[in-house]
Amino acid sequence: LYHFTRMPFGLHGAPATFQRLMDRILQPHTRYAAAYLDDVVIYGSNWDEHLNQVAAVLRDLRAAGLTANPRKCRIGREETTYLGYTLGRGQVRPLVGKVQALQEYQAPTTKRQVRQFLGLAGYYRRFVPHFATITAPLTELLTKDSPRRVGWSDECETAFRTIKERLCSEPVLFSPDFH
């Protein structure tokens, strides 16, 4: 008789099942740890606190029968990348490469290109106040009845440039200080 020793992610429902498991394991650590599937981030305000928190999370992972691959772990970093963001020093920033891709993005000429731009920029919408209002002229280009080739108006150009400028001007979110 054979059985899996690891979660086979090709199976239907496997990611959701694994996420529920990770949520359950990390439940006692929600003040300083989070997981998206097998990507776990642990954060603290000083070195001793961080080491204690890492030890506690690793202990609970081990108790649940899970292991962490030391070659894939990054412990004690002041900054790290996580789910498309740079985290550290109490700040959250978009990845430099993604911002650079936005900066170099040419004005879209088709609905598909507009959709791609809005998808890339939309991932970082939390850095741009009133994102939906600013991008409304671009979103209107995606209506079902609009032609495949877009009619690029001055409003569209203004929205396009505004989003690029706001996301390319070192946007930063600060972590709240609850102490």
Protein backbone atom coordinates (compact mmCIF):
# COMPACT_ATOMS: atom_id res chain seq x y z
CA LEU A 1 0.00 0.00 0.00
CA TYR A 2 1.35 3.43 -0.96
CA HIS A 3 0.57 6.83 0.50
CA PHE A 4 1.71 10.40 -0.18
CA THR A 5 4.46 11.84 2.01
CA ARG A 6 3.90 15.33 0.61
CA MET A 7 0.86 17.29 -0.49
CA PRO A 8 0.28 16.50 -4.21
CA PHE A 9 -0.64 19.98 -5.45
CA GLY A 10 -2.01 18.67 -8.73
CA LEU A 11 -5.05 17.24 -6.96
CA HIS A 12 -8.29 19.20 -6.90
CA GLY A 13 -8.67 21.05 -3.59
CA ALA A 14 -5.07 20.43 -2.47
CA PRO A 15 -4.07 24.12 -2.23
CA ALA A 16 -7.17 25.03 -0.19
CA THR A 17 -6.65 22.02 2.08
CA PHE A 18 -3.01 22.91 2.65
CA GLN A 19 -3.88 26.58 3.31
CA ARG A 20 -6.41 25.51 5.96
CA LEU A 21 -3.73 23.36 7.58
CA MET A 22 -1.23 26.23 7.61
CA ASP A 23 -3.86 28.61 9.01
CA ARG A 24 -4.59 26.14 11.81
CA ILE A 25 -0.89 25.62 12.62
CA LEU A 26 -0.13 29.35 12.62
CA GLN A 27 -3.29 30.37 14.51
CA PRO A 28 -1.38 30.88 17.81
CA HIS A 29 1.17 33.01 15.94
CA THR A 30 -1.09 35.42 14.03
CA ARG A 31 0.46 38.46 15.75
CA TYR A 32 3.78 37.83 14.00
CA ALA A 33 3.40 35.18 11.29
CA ALA A 34 1.39 34.61 8.13
CA ALA A 35 1.35 32.00 5.39
CA TYR A 36 0.25 31.78 1.82
CA LEU A 37 0.41 28.06 1.11
CA ASP A 38 4.02 27.11 1.88
CA ASP A 39 5.36 30.68 1.93
CA VAL A 40 5.59 31.68 5.59
CA VAL A 41 6.70 35.10 6.79
CA ILE A 42 7.61 35.75 10.43
CA TYR A 43 8.26 39.30 11.58
CA GLY A 44 9.38 40.91 14.81
CA SER A 45 10.59 44.23 16.13
CA ASN A 46 13.96 43.02 17.45
CA TRP A 47 16.41 40.16 17.03
CA ASP A 48 15.62 38.23 20.25
CA GLU A 49 11.89 38.46 19.62
CA HIS A 50 12.37 37.27 16.03
CA LEU A 51 14.45 34.25 17.08
CA ASN A 52 11.84 33.24 19.68
CA GLN A 53 9.04 33.59 17.13
CA VAL A 54 10.90 31.57 14.49
CA ALA A 55 11.57 28.84 17.06
CA ALA A 56 7.89 28.78 18.10
CA VAL A 57 6.64 28.53 14.50
CA LEU A 58 9.18 25.83 13.60
CA ARG A 59 8.21 23.87 16.73
CA ASP A 60 4.52 23.95 15.75
CA LEU A 61 5.29 23.03 12.13
CA ARG A 62 7.33 20.05 13.36
CA ALA A 63 4.53 19.03 15.77
CA ALA A 64 2.16 18.98 12.78
CA GLY A 65 4.52 16.71 10.86
CA LEU A 66 5.81 19.43 8.52
CA THR A 67 9.41 20.41 7.88
CA ALA A 68 11.09 23.55 6.60
CA ASN A 69 13.80 23.17 3.97
CA PRO A 70 16.82 25.08 5.38
CA ARG A 71 18.04 25.91 1.84
CA LYS A 72 14.76 27.71 1.15
CA CYS A 73 14.57 29.54 4.49
CA ARG A 74 15.70 33.14 4.93
CA ILE A 75 15.99 33.90 8.64
CA GLY A 76 17.00 37.16 10.29
CA ARG A 77 16.61 39.40 7.26
CA GLU A 78 15.82 43.08 7.67
CA GLU A 79 14.04 42.96 4.32
CA THR A 80 12.51 40.17 2.28
CA THR A 81 10.28 39.71 -0.73
CA TYR A 82 6.90 38.11 -0.17
CA LEU A 83 4.01 37.72 -2.61
CA GLY A 84 5.17 40.52 -4.90
CA TYR A 85 6.15 42.97 -2.17
CA THR A 86 9.32 44.01 -0.38
CA LEU A 87 8.71 43.84 3.37
CA GLY A 88 10.92 45.18 6.13
CA ARG A 89 11.78 48.01 8.49
CA GLY A 90 8.08 48.58 9.10
CA GLN A 91 7.39 49.19 5.40
CA VAL A 92 5.66 47.47 2.50
CA ARG A 93 6.79 48.37 -1.03
CA PRO A 94 6.11 47.01 -4.52
CA LEU A 95 8.92 44.96 -6.05
CA VAL A 96 11.38 47.12 -7.97
CA GLY A 97 11.13 44.92 -11.08
CA LYS A 98 7.34 45.24 -11.21
CA VAL A 99 7.53 49.02 -10.82
CA GLN A 100 10.13 49.16 -13.58
CA ALA A 101 7.84 47.10 -15.85
CA LEU A 102 5.05 49.61 -15.19
CA GLN A 103 7.38 52.53 -15.86
CA GLU A 104 8.35 51.10 -19.26
CA TYR A 105 4.79 50.12 -20.23
CA GLN A 106 3.71 51.68 -23.52
CA ALA A 107 0.23 53.13 -24.00
CA PRO A 108 -2.11 50.22 -24.81
CA THR A 109 -3.72 50.00 -28.24
CA THR A 110 -5.97 46.96 -27.70
CA LYS A 111 -8.42 45.82 -25.04
CA ARG A 112 -6.07 42.98 -24.17
CA GLN A 113 -3.20 45.40 -23.51
CA VAL A 114 -5.45 47.63 -21.39
CA ARG A 115 -6.49 44.56 -19.38
CA GLN A 116 -2.83 43.57 -18.92
CA PHE A 117 -1.85 47.05 -17.74
CA LEU A 118 -4.77 47.25 -15.32
CA GLY A 119 -3.91 43.79 -13.99
CA LEU A 120 -0.28 44.71 -13.35
CA ALA A 121 -1.10 48.10 -11.85
CA GLY A 122 -4.14 46.76 -9.98
CA TYR A 123 -2.03 44.35 -7.95
CA TYR A 124 -0.51 47.42 -6.27
CA ARG A 125 -3.74 49.43 -6.08
CA ARG A 126 -3.41 49.86 -2.30
CA PHE A 127 -0.51 52.24 -2.96
CA VAL A 128 -2.66 54.59 -5.07
CA PRO A 129 -5.52 56.38 -3.30
CA HIS A 130 -8.67 56.47 -5.47
CA PHE A 131 -7.22 53.90 -7.89
CA ALA A 132 -10.64 52.94 -9.28
CA THR A 133 -11.60 56.57 -9.89
CA ILE A 134 -8.31 57.32 -11.64
CA THR A 135 -8.49 54.22 -13.85
CA ALA A 136 -12.18 54.63 -14.73
CA PRO A 137 -11.44 55.92 -18.28
CA LEU A 138 -9.27 52.85 -18.90
CA THR A 139 -11.83 50.47 -17.43
CA GLU A 140 -14.50 51.92 -19.73
CA LEU A 141 -12.41 50.75 -22.70
CA LEU A 142 -13.09 47.15 -21.63
CA THR A 143 -16.88 47.15 -22.01
CA LYS A 144 -18.36 44.29 -23.99
CA ASP A 145 -19.55 46.57 -26.80
CA SER A 146 -16.28 48.49 -27.25
CA PRO A 147 -14.05 47.64 -30.22
CA ARG A 148 -10.97 45.44 -29.84
CA ARG A 149 -8.70 48.36 -30.81
CA VAL A 150 -9.16 51.07 -28.21
CA GLY A 151 -9.89 54.73 -28.84
CA TRP A 152 -7.20 56.41 -26.73
CA SER A 153 -8.53 59.74 -25.44
CA ASP A 154 -6.85 62.51 -23.45
CA GLU A 155 -8.68 61.17 -20.38
CA CYS A 156 -7.16 57.73 -20.98
CA GLU A 157 -3.68 59.21 -21.38
CA THR A 158 -4.06 61.20 -18.15
CA ALA A 159 -5.24 58.12 -16.24
CA PHE A 160 -2.42 56.00 -17.70
CA ARG A 161 0.27 58.54 -16.82
CA THR A 162 -1.16 59.23 -13.35
CA ILE A 163 -1.14 55.55 -12.36
CA LYS A 164 2.40 55.10 -13.67
CA GLU A 165 3.64 58.23 -11.87
CA ARG A 166 2.04 57.30 -8.55
CA LEU A 167 3.33 53.74 -8.61
CA CYS A 168 6.80 54.71 -9.83
CA SER A 169 7.38 57.44 -7.23
CA GLU A 170 8.58 55.18 -4.40
CA PRO A 171 5.18 54.26 -2.98
CA VAL A 172 5.46 52.94 0.57
CA LEU A 173 2.94 51.69 3.08
CA PHE A 174 3.96 51.75 6.73
CA SER A 175 3.14 48.98 9.15
CA PRO A 176 1.01 50.15 12.07
CA ASP A 177 2.66 50.45 15.48
CA PHE A 178 0.23 48.92 17.98
CA HIS A 179 2.48 49.55 21.01
